[in-house]
Amino acid sequence: MSTPRQYELWIGGREVAPSSGEYFADLNPMDDSEIARIALGTQQDMDTAVRNAHEAFLHHRQCLARERELWFMRAAVVVRPASR
């Protein structure tokens, strides 16, 4: 059996470990085996994420629509799940 993947928080355009250092197990409902470890965000992590998102909004709202479209297309590539 392979080691479960660990997922960090996504803040400011990069993966970030939770400030608490805590993770929770994502379990397979069929057999309760651990599928992954998920970062457990805190209020501090949420505040940081919201602040980063607001700064990105202030920057990107000044961009032309075509430029914003390119950013969204790039983001889609990043978040699209890998082929299985």
C-alpha atoms as a PDB file:
ATOM      1  CA  MET A   1       0.000   0.000   0.000  1.00  0.00           C
ATOM      2  CA  SER A   2       1.359   3.430  -0.918  1.00  0.00           C
ATOM      3  CA  THR A   3       1.725   6.375   1.447  1.00  0.00           C
ATOM      4  CA  PRO A   4      -1.298   8.721   1.263  1.00  0.00           C
ATOM      5  CA  ARG A   5      -0.701  12.055  -0.466  1.00  0.00           C
ATOM      6  CA  GLN A   6      -0.590  15.120   1.762  1.00  0.00           C
ATOM      7  CA  TYR A   7      -2.455  18.222   0.596  1.00  0.00           C
ATOM      8  CA  GLU A   8      -1.453  21.670   1.783  1.00  0.00           C
ATOM      9  CA  LEU A   9      -3.468  24.906   1.746  1.00  0.00           C
ATOM     10  CA  TRP A  10      -3.430  26.992  -1.447  1.00  0.00           C
ATOM     11  CA  ILE A  11      -2.736  30.604  -0.429  1.00  0.00           C
ATOM     12  CA  GLY A  12      -1.227  33.374  -2.509  1.00  0.00           C
ATOM     13  CA  GLY A  13      -0.764  31.142  -5.523  1.00  0.00           C
ATOM     14  CA  ARG A  14       1.271  28.455  -3.787  1.00  0.00           C
ATOM     15  CA  GLU A  15       0.959  25.494  -1.462  1.00  0.00           C
ATOM     16  CA  VAL A  16       1.355  26.465   2.192  1.00  0.00           C
ATOM     17  CA  ALA A  17       1.481  24.296   5.303  1.00  0.00           C
ATOM     18  CA  PRO A  18      -1.247  25.110   7.849  1.00  0.00           C
ATOM     19  CA  SER A  19      -0.137  27.435  10.639  1.00  0.00           C
ATOM     20  CA  SER A  20      -1.343  24.839  13.159  1.00  0.00           C
ATOM     21  CA  GLY A  21       0.761  22.115  11.565  1.00  0.00           C
ATOM     22  CA  GLU A  22      -2.326  19.874  11.783  1.00  0.00           C
ATOM     23  CA  TYR A  23      -3.807  17.595   9.116  1.00  0.00           C
ATOM     24  CA  PHE A  24      -6.849  15.341   9.015  1.00  0.00           C
ATOM     25  CA  ALA A  25      -7.325  12.013   7.292  1.00  0.00           C
ATOM     26  CA  ASP A  26      -9.535  11.660   4.221  1.00  0.00           C
ATOM     27  CA  LEU A  27     -10.914   8.125   4.503  1.00  0.00           C
ATOM     28  CA  ASN A  28     -12.137   5.700   1.883  1.00  0.00           C
ATOM     29  CA  PRO A  29     -15.830   5.092   2.750  1.00  0.00           C
ATOM     30  CA  MET A  30     -15.604   1.452   1.658  1.00  0.00           C
ATOM     31  CA  ASP A  31     -12.903   0.329   4.073  1.00  0.00           C
ATOM     32  CA  ASP A  32     -11.902   3.374   6.173  1.00  0.00           C
ATOM     33  CA  SER A  33      -8.375   3.278   4.758  1.00  0.00           C
ATOM     34  CA  GLU A  34      -6.615   6.624   4.617  1.00  0.00           C
ATOM     35  CA  ILE A  35      -6.651   8.121   1.107  1.00  0.00           C
ATOM     36  CA  ALA A  36      -4.943  11.427   1.867  1.00  0.00           C
ATOM     37  CA  ARG A  37      -3.865  13.847   4.587  1.00  0.00           C
ATOM     38  CA  ILE A  38      -5.557  17.253   4.290  1.00  0.00           C
ATOM     39  CA  ALA A  39      -4.263  20.493   5.836  1.00  0.00           C
ATOM     40  CA  LEU A  40      -6.462  21.749   8.653  1.00  0.00           C
ATOM     41  CA  GLY A  41      -6.644  25.515   8.161  1.00  0.00           C
ATOM     42  CA  THR A  42      -7.031  27.931  11.055  1.00  0.00           C
ATOM     43  CA  GLN A  43      -8.626  31.354  11.356  1.00  0.00           C
ATOM     44  CA  GLN A  44      -5.143  32.824  10.796  1.00  0.00           C
ATOM     45  CA  ASP A  45      -4.800  30.811   7.566  1.00  0.00           C
ATOM     46  CA  MET A  46      -8.239  32.027   6.431  1.00  0.00           C
ATOM     47  CA  ASP A  47      -7.347  35.643   7.166  1.00  0.00           C
ATOM     48  CA  THR A  48      -4.116  35.283   5.179  1.00  0.00           C
ATOM     49  CA  ALA A  49      -5.976  33.670   2.263  1.00  0.00           C
ATOM     50  CA  VAL A  50      -8.637  36.397   2.200  1.00  0.00           C
ATOM     51  CA  ARG A  51      -5.993  39.137   2.374  1.00  0.00           C
ATOM     52  CA  ASN A  52      -4.072  37.546  -0.516  1.00  0.00           C
ATOM     53  CA  ALA A  53      -7.262  37.123  -2.559  1.00  0.00           C
ATOM     54  CA  HIS A  54      -8.199  40.763  -1.999  1.00  0.00           C
ATOM     55  CA  GLU A  55      -4.747  41.949  -3.095  1.00  0.00           C
ATOM     56  CA  ALA A  56      -5.015  39.778  -6.224  1.00  0.00           C
ATOM     57  CA  PHE A  57      -8.473  41.224  -6.930  1.00  0.00           C
ATOM     58  CA  LEU A  58      -7.186  44.789  -6.637  1.00  0.00           C
ATOM     59  CA  HIS A  59      -4.430  43.983  -9.106  1.00  0.00           C
ATOM     60  CA  HIS A  60      -6.473  41.962 -11.597  1.00  0.00           C
ATOM     61  CA  ARG A  61      -9.512  44.242 -11.754  1.00  0.00           C
ATOM     62  CA  GLN A  62      -7.303  46.761 -13.553  1.00  0.00           C
ATOM     63  CA  CYS A  63      -6.372  44.235 -16.270  1.00  0.00           C
ATOM     64  CA  LEU A  64      -8.104  44.026 -19.618  1.00  0.00           C
ATOM     65  CA  ALA A  65     -10.726  41.289 -19.995  1.00  0.00           C
ATOM     66  CA  ARG A  66      -8.496  39.362 -22.446  1.00  0.00           C
ATOM     67  CA  GLU A  67      -5.646  39.369 -19.905  1.00  0.00           C
ATOM     68  CA  ARG A  68      -7.969  38.097 -17.151  1.00  0.00           C
ATOM     69  CA  GLU A  69      -9.164  35.359 -19.493  1.00  0.00           C
ATOM     70  CA  LEU A  70      -5.573  34.171 -19.945  1.00  0.00           C
ATOM     71  CA  TRP A  71      -5.101  34.050 -16.168  1.00  0.00           C
ATOM     72  CA  PHE A  72      -8.246  31.934 -15.777  1.00  0.00           C
ATOM     73  CA  MET A  73      -7.123  29.570 -18.530  1.00  0.00           C
ATOM     74  CA  ARG A  74      -3.757  29.107 -16.773  1.00  0.00           C
ATOM     75  CA  ALA A  75      -5.535  28.512 -13.454  1.00  0.00           C
ATOM     76  CA  ALA A  76      -7.736  25.862 -15.091  1.00  0.00           C
ATOM     77  CA  VAL A  77      -4.627  23.983 -16.183  1.00  0.00           C
ATOM     78  CA  VAL A  78      -3.232  24.076 -12.642  1.00  0.00           C
ATOM     79  CA  VAL A  79      -6.379  22.814 -10.916  1.00  0.00           C
ATOM     80  CA  ARG A  80      -7.413  20.272 -13.567  1.00  0.00           C
ATOM     81  CA  PRO A  81      -7.013  16.754 -12.174  1.00  0.00           C
ATOM     82  CA  ALA A  82      -4.368  14.573 -13.791  1.00  0.00           C
ATOM     83  CA  SER A  83      -5.553  11.869 -16.169  1.00  0.00           C
ATOM     84  CA  ARG A  84      -5.922   8.479 -14.562  1.00  0.00           C
END
